[in-house]
């Protein structure tokens, strides 16, 4: 069964916010296509029937108030030059639109890292230099046990290279698909959510919004949960209006073209909690945001999700989350 989140339907949501069919159809077209009408990148996710289905990820940034000065910014000219000679590049462990991720070994210490090699031509062609620069800047700021560590950043003749802490246990998505009934027990899910919540609390103190929290961007490293992939992250205390992220995890305010703040990461935390405990995401956005729970979930986890999967003015804080009985 295919996850219905690329949504060509013009069905109007009626259970959360209200919009006309034409307005919602236009929003969905904006989410699933970029300005050149190119299809978005897709990733797979399990559904309740234990079959693989598509999770749709926006592959471009759509801003309603585009700052042309931002588009003209370049990666810091002081980027260190080629240090690749200090590493032995091993097998490929991932890939993306602009490059590939490899396992690598630092010769001097024999320590294993991951190296993200980003194609310079593609980055420049797609005008993503500023976004890459921002990703590196933010990752350099982040020092937390539940956030993947950026070790160093340098360039070769053909690639920008990010050397990262190596995730020994793979992604949370990978382990989720191996669980009984494709879902975690509540105690196991609670342990994971608490660690992600600590990462969010730390990011909020630095005014950083991740904007793409989901199982694919959360890693296992020596038994700890670590948030990764800061490609869509931003540091800003002001409200934003850029449309980005993964459709299943988009909050209503982003879907409906409203301004949003750092509470969108808390919405994502609620969606993540639902997916870890049920094996599926809670909403088909073309049908609205009516929250319904399976009978087997406890009252405590339902209460946590109700506090997060709601209108942003009613959404609970990260402190409320960390003090919630389900996480204690």
Protein backbone atom coordinates (compact mmCIF):
# COMPACT_ATOMS: atom_id res chain seq x y z
CA UNK A 1 0.00 0.00 0.00
CA UNK A 2 1.37 3.39 -0.97
CA UNK A 3 1.46 6.14 1.64
CA UNK A 4 -0.84 8.83 0.33
CA UNK A 5 1.27 11.86 0.91
CA UNK A 6 2.23 13.05 -2.55
CA UNK A 7 -1.47 13.92 -2.80
CA UNK A 8 -2.74 14.90 -6.20
CA UNK A 9 -6.20 15.00 -4.66
CA UNK A 10 -7.85 18.35 -4.10
CA UNK A 11 -9.81 17.06 -1.11
CA UNK A 12 -10.31 19.83 1.43
CA UNK A 13 -9.31 19.19 5.05
CA UNK A 14 -12.35 19.67 7.29
CA UNK A 15 -11.39 18.33 10.71
CA UNK A 16 -8.63 20.70 11.85
CA UNK A 17 -8.28 23.88 9.83
CA UNK A 18 -10.61 24.93 7.04
CA UNK A 19 -9.52 25.62 3.49
CA UNK A 20 -11.13 25.54 0.07
CA UNK A 21 -10.36 22.67 -2.28
CA UNK A 22 -8.55 24.96 -4.68
CA UNK A 23 -6.36 26.46 -1.94
CA UNK A 24 -5.39 23.08 -0.57
CA UNK A 25 -4.72 21.67 -4.03
CA UNK A 26 -2.34 24.55 -4.69
CA UNK A 27 -0.58 23.96 -1.35
CA UNK A 28 -0.10 20.29 -2.14
CA UNK A 29 1.28 21.12 -5.57
CA UNK A 30 3.72 23.49 -3.89
CA UNK A 31 4.77 20.81 -1.41
CA UNK A 32 5.25 18.08 -3.99
CA UNK A 33 6.80 20.09 -6.83
CA UNK A 34 9.40 22.80 -7.02
CA UNK A 35 9.17 25.92 -9.11
CA UNK A 36 10.49 24.03 -12.15
CA UNK A 37 7.81 21.37 -11.68
CA UNK A 38 10.35 18.69 -10.80
CA UNK A 39 9.13 15.80 -8.69
CA UNK A 40 10.30 15.71 -5.10
CA UNK A 41 12.69 13.17 -3.65
CA UNK A 42 11.06 10.09 -2.11
CA UNK A 43 12.06 7.83 0.75
CA UNK A 44 10.41 4.62 1.87
CA UNK A 45 8.56 3.98 5.11
CA UNK A 46 6.50 1.07 6.44
CA UNK A 47 2.73 1.21 6.83
CA UNK A 48 0.33 -0.64 9.07
CA UNK A 49 0.22 -3.58 6.65
CA UNK A 50 3.99 -4.08 6.99
CA UNK A 51 4.46 -3.14 3.34
CA UNK A 52 6.83 -0.52 2.06
CA UNK A 53 5.37 2.76 0.97
CA UNK A 54 6.66 6.15 -0.08
CA UNK A 55 7.57 8.93 2.30
CA UNK A 56 7.84 12.12 0.28
CA UNK A 57 10.50 14.66 1.04
CA UNK A 58 10.60 18.17 -0.37
CA UNK A 59 13.77 18.56 -2.42
CA UNK A 60 13.80 22.34 -2.70
CA UNK A 61 13.25 25.35 -0.52
CA UNK A 62 10.13 27.42 -1.13
CA UNK A 63 10.05 30.78 0.61
CA UNK A 64 7.21 33.23 0.26
CA UNK A 65 9.53 36.13 1.03
CA UNK A 66 12.68 35.15 -0.81
CA UNK A 67 15.78 37.04 0.26
CA UNK A 68 17.89 37.40 -2.86
CA UNK A 69 20.90 38.39 -0.77
CA UNK A 70 20.79 34.96 0.88
CA UNK A 71 20.95 33.30 -2.54
CA UNK A 72 24.12 35.18 -3.39
CA UNK A 73 26.01 34.18 -0.24
CA UNK A 74 28.87 31.78 -0.73
CA UNK A 75 30.52 29.15 1.38
CA UNK A 76 33.15 30.66 3.66
CA UNK A 77 36.27 31.26 1.61
CA UNK A 78 38.36 30.05 4.55
CA UNK A 79 37.19 26.46 4.05
CA UNK A 80 40.24 24.26 4.73
CA UNK A 81 41.72 22.68 1.65
CA UNK A 82 42.09 19.01 0.87
CA UNK A 83 42.53 16.86 3.99
CA UNK A 84 41.21 13.74 2.32
CA UNK A 85 44.73 12.31 2.21
CA UNK A 86 44.54 11.80 5.98
CA UNK A 87 41.61 9.41 5.58
CA UNK A 88 41.08 6.00 4.07
CA UNK A 89 37.68 6.12 2.38
CA UNK A 90 35.90 2.79 2.75
CA UNK A 91 32.48 1.54 1.65
CA UNK A 92 29.53 3.76 0.74
CA UNK A 93 26.88 3.88 3.47
CA UNK A 94 24.44 6.43 2.08
CA UNK A 95 23.60 8.82 -0.72
CA UNK A 96 21.63 11.97 -1.42
CA UNK A 97 20.77 14.34 -4.22
CA UNK A 98 24.10 16.16 -4.09
CA UNK A 99 26.55 13.51 -2.96
CA UNK A 100 27.36 10.32 -1.11
CA UNK A 101 28.27 9.23 2.42
CA UNK A 102 31.15 6.84 3.06
CA UNK A 103 32.62 5.11 6.03
CA UNK A 104 36.20 6.29 6.50
CA UNK A 105 39.22 5.70 8.70
CA UNK A 106 41.52 8.39 10.05
CA UNK A 107 45.03 7.04 9.50
CA UNK A 108 46.60 8.69 12.55
CA UNK A 109 44.17 7.31 15.14
CA UNK A 110 42.57 4.38 13.29
CA UNK A 111 39.21 5.83 14.35
CA UNK A 112 36.18 5.32 12.11
CA UNK A 113 34.06 8.26 10.92
CA UNK A 114 31.45 8.97 8.27
CA UNK A 115 32.38 11.36 5.47
CA UNK A 116 29.71 13.18 3.52
CA UNK A 117 31.11 14.11 0.10
CA UNK A 118 29.02 16.77 -1.64
CA UNK A 119 29.47 17.42 -5.33
CA UNK A 120 30.57 21.03 -5.92
CA UNK A 121 29.09 21.23 -9.40
CA UNK A 122 25.65 20.09 -8.24
CA UNK A 123 25.66 22.38 -5.20
CA UNK A 124 26.50 25.41 -7.31
CA UNK A 125 24.12 24.41 -10.10
CA UNK A 126 21.25 24.19 -7.61
CA UNK A 127 22.26 27.39 -5.77
CA UNK A 128 22.66 25.54 -2.47
CA UNK A 129 25.97 27.02 -1.33
CA UNK A 130 24.34 29.20 1.30
CA UNK A 131 22.33 26.30 2.66
CA UNK A 132 25.46 24.15 2.90
CA UNK A 133 27.32 26.94 4.65
CA UNK A 134 24.48 27.30 7.14
CA UNK A 135 24.38 23.54 7.76
CA UNK A 136 28.11 23.49 8.53
CA UNK A 137 27.91 26.58 10.74
CA UNK A 138 25.06 25.10 12.79
CA UNK A 139 26.70 21.69 13.13
CA UNK A 140 29.91 23.33 14.34
CA UNK A 141 27.91 24.97 17.14
CA UNK A 142 26.21 21.80 18.34
CA UNK A 143 27.94 19.88 21.14
CA UNK A 144 25.47 17.46 22.70
CA UNK A 145 25.44 13.73 23.37
CA UNK A 146 22.17 13.32 21.44
CA UNK A 147 23.34 15.18 18.32
CA UNK A 148 25.73 13.74 15.75
CA UNK A 149 29.06 15.55 15.94
CA UNK A 150 30.70 17.32 13.00
CA UNK A 151 34.41 16.54 13.27
CA UNK A 152 35.73 18.73 10.47
CA UNK A 153 34.84 20.35 7.18
CA UNK A 154 37.12 20.76 4.15
CA UNK A 155 37.07 20.81 0.38
CA UNK A 156 38.76 18.94 -2.44
CA UNK A 157 38.84 19.91 -6.10
CA UNK A 158 35.48 18.23 -6.67
CA UNK A 159 33.71 17.94 -3.31
CA UNK A 160 32.86 19.65 -0.05
CA UNK A 161 33.53 17.10 2.70
CA UNK A 162 31.89 16.85 6.12
CA UNK A 163 33.54 14.38 8.48
CA UNK A 164 30.98 13.21 11.02
CA UNK A 165 30.74 10.97 14.03
CA UNK A 166 30.07 7.43 12.78
CA UNK A 167 26.69 5.97 13.74
CA UNK A 168 27.47 2.38 14.65
CA UNK A 169 23.83 1.28 14.82
CA UNK A 170 22.41 2.81 11.65
CA UNK A 171 19.21 4.86 11.47
CA UNK A 172 16.18 4.71 13.72
CA UNK A 173 14.13 4.00 10.61
CA UNK A 174 16.15 0.86 9.94
CA UNK A 175 15.63 -0.48 13.45
CA UNK A 176 11.95 0.49 13.44
CA UNK A 177 11.29 -1.76 10.45
CA UNK A 178 12.84 -4.71 12.28
CA UNK A 179 10.60 -4.46 15.35
CA UNK A 180 7.72 -6.83 16.03
CA UNK A 181 4.67 -5.42 14.16
CA UNK A 182 7.02 -2.70 12.89
CA UNK A 183 6.64 -0.70 16.09
CA UNK A 184 8.51 -0.23 19.37
CA UNK A 185 7.14 -1.11 22.77
CA UNK A 186 6.14 1.97 24.74
CA UNK A 187 9.09 1.73 27.20
CA UNK A 188 11.55 1.50 24.29
CA UNK A 189 9.83 4.34 22.39
CA UNK A 190 9.78 6.47 25.54
CA UNK A 191 13.56 6.09 25.90
CA UNK A 192 14.08 7.18 22.29
CA UNK A 193 11.68 10.14 22.46
CA UNK A 194 13.26 11.38 25.68
CA UNK A 195 16.69 11.52 24.02
CA UNK A 196 15.31 13.35 20.97
CA UNK A 197 13.54 15.76 23.34
CA UNK A 198 16.85 16.53 25.08
CA UNK A 199 18.36 17.33 21.67
CA UNK A 200 15.42 19.64 20.86
CA UNK A 201 15.73 21.38 24.22
CA UNK A 202 19.42 22.02 23.55
CA UNK A 203 18.74 23.30 20.02
CA UNK A 204 16.02 25.64 21.27
CA UNK A 205 18.46 27.20 23.73
CA UNK A 206 20.60 28.08 20.69
CA UNK A 207 17.56 29.26 18.67
CA UNK A 208 18.06 26.39 16.20
CA UNK A 209 15.14 24.71 14.41
CA UNK A 210 15.90 21.36 12.79
CA UNK A 211 12.83 21.31 10.47
CA UNK A 212 13.22 17.70 9.32
CA UNK A 213 13.08 15.42 12.35
CA UNK A 214 12.05 11.87 11.37
CA UNK A 215 13.38 8.31 11.86
CA UNK A 216 15.63 8.52 8.80
CA UNK A 217 17.46 11.51 10.35
CA UNK A 218 17.93 9.96 13.78
CA UNK A 219 20.86 7.60 14.33
CA UNK A 220 21.97 4.97 16.81
CA UNK A 221 25.51 5.45 18.06
CA UNK A 222 26.86 3.13 20.76
CA UNK A 223 23.41 2.73 22.25
CA UNK A 224 22.58 6.45 22.22
CA UNK A 225 20.10 8.26 19.99
CA UNK A 226 21.61 11.08 17.94
CA UNK A 227 19.82 13.64 15.75
CA UNK A 228 21.52 14.14 12.38
CA UNK A 229 21.13 15.78 8.96
CA UNK A 230 20.92 19.52 9.54
CA UNK A 231 20.43 20.37 5.86
CA UNK A 232 17.13 22.15 6.53
CA UNK A 233 18.07 23.58 9.91
CA UNK A 234 18.13 27.29 10.64
CA UNK A 235 19.14 29.54 13.52
CA UNK A 236 16.50 32.20 14.01
CA UNK A 237 14.37 33.59 16.84
CA UNK A 238 11.89 35.06 14.35
CA UNK A 239 9.00 33.21 12.75
CA UNK A 240 9.72 31.59 9.39
CA UNK A 241 7.67 30.81 6.29
CA UNK A 242 9.96 28.51 4.27
CA UNK A 243 8.28 25.29 3.15
CA UNK A 244 10.64 22.35 3.73
CA UNK A 245 10.91 18.93 5.32
CA UNK A 246 9.02 15.66 4.87
CA UNK A 247 5.31 15.69 4.08
CA UNK A 248 4.23 13.16 6.73
CA UNK A 249 5.89 15.34 9.38
CA UNK A 250 4.80 18.82 8.22
CA UNK A 251 2.81 20.80 10.81
CA UNK A 252 -0.50 22.44 9.84
CA UNK A 253 0.93 25.95 9.96
CA UNK A 254 3.53 25.03 7.34
CA UNK A 255 1.06 23.11 5.17
CA UNK A 256 -1.35 26.05 5.11
CA UNK A 257 1.27 28.67 4.34
CA UNK A 258 1.30 30.30 7.78
CA UNK A 259 4.34 31.49 9.69
CA UNK A 260 5.89 29.06 12.14
CA UNK A 261 8.44 28.97 14.96
CA UNK A 262 10.58 26.39 16.74
CA UNK A 263 7.48 24.54 17.93
CA UNK A 264 7.41 22.76 14.57
CA UNK A 265 10.12 20.47 15.97
CA UNK A 266 7.71 19.62 18.80
CA UNK A 267 5.02 18.74 16.25
CA UNK A 268 7.58 16.45 14.59
CA UNK A 269 8.32 14.91 17.99
CA UNK A 270 4.62 14.11 18.31
CA UNK A 271 4.51 12.52 14.87
CA UNK A 272 7.68 10.58 15.69
CA UNK A 273 6.10 9.31 18.91
CA UNK A 274 3.06 8.12 16.97
CA UNK A 275 5.18 6.40 14.31
CA UNK A 276 7.41 4.64 16.83
CA UNK A 277 4.45 3.31 18.84
CA UNK A 278 2.13 2.39 15.95
CA UNK A 279 4.35 1.81 12.91
CA UNK A 280 2.70 4.51 10.85
CA UNK A 281 2.34 8.29 10.81
CA UNK A 282 -0.88 9.84 12.14
CA UNK A 283 -2.08 12.02 9.28
CA UNK A 284 -2.82 12.04 5.58
CA UNK A 285 -2.56 15.78 5.12
CA UNK A 286 -5.01 15.83 2.21
CA UNK A 287 -7.61 14.57 4.67
CA UNK A 288 -6.83 17.02 7.47
CA UNK A 289 -5.35 16.65 10.93
CA UNK A 290 -7.89 14.62 12.87
CA UNK A 291 -5.94 12.69 15.51
CA UNK A 292 -7.13 9.14 16.19
CA UNK A 293 -5.34 6.53 18.31
CA UNK A 294 -5.24 2.72 18.23
CA UNK A 295 -6.86 1.12 21.27
CA UNK A 296 -3.63 -0.54 22.40
CA UNK A 297 -1.86 2.75 23.23
CA UNK A 298 -1.70 3.82 26.86
CA UNK A 299 -3.42 6.93 28.17
CA UNK A 300 -0.07 8.50 29.02
CA UNK A 301 1.37 8.35 25.51
CA UNK A 302 -1.92 9.58 24.07
CA UNK A 303 -1.78 12.55 26.43
CA UNK A 304 1.76 13.36 25.32
CA UNK A 305 0.81 13.30 21.66
CA UNK A 306 -2.33 15.38 22.24
CA UNK A 307 -0.11 18.05 23.77
CA UNK A 308 2.13 18.15 20.70
CA UNK A 309 -0.15 17.39 17.74
CA UNK A 310 -2.29 20.47 18.08
CA UNK A 311 -2.48 24.09 16.90
CA UNK A 312 0.80 25.89 17.55
CA UNK A 313 -0.74 28.32 20.06
CA UNK A 314 -1.82 25.33 22.18
CA UNK A 315 1.26 23.19 21.60
CA UNK A 316 3.12 22.28 24.76
CA UNK A 317 6.70 23.29 25.49
CA UNK A 318 9.78 21.09 25.50
CA UNK A 319 9.94 21.46 29.29
CA UNK A 320 6.40 20.08 29.54
CA UNK A 321 7.47 17.14 27.37
CA UNK A 322 10.52 16.31 29.48
CA UNK A 323 8.45 16.41 32.66
CA UNK A 324 5.67 14.28 31.21
CA UNK A 325 4.86 11.08 33.09
CA UNK A 326 5.34 8.97 29.94
CA UNK A 327 9.02 10.00 29.83
CA UNK A 328 9.77 9.75 33.53
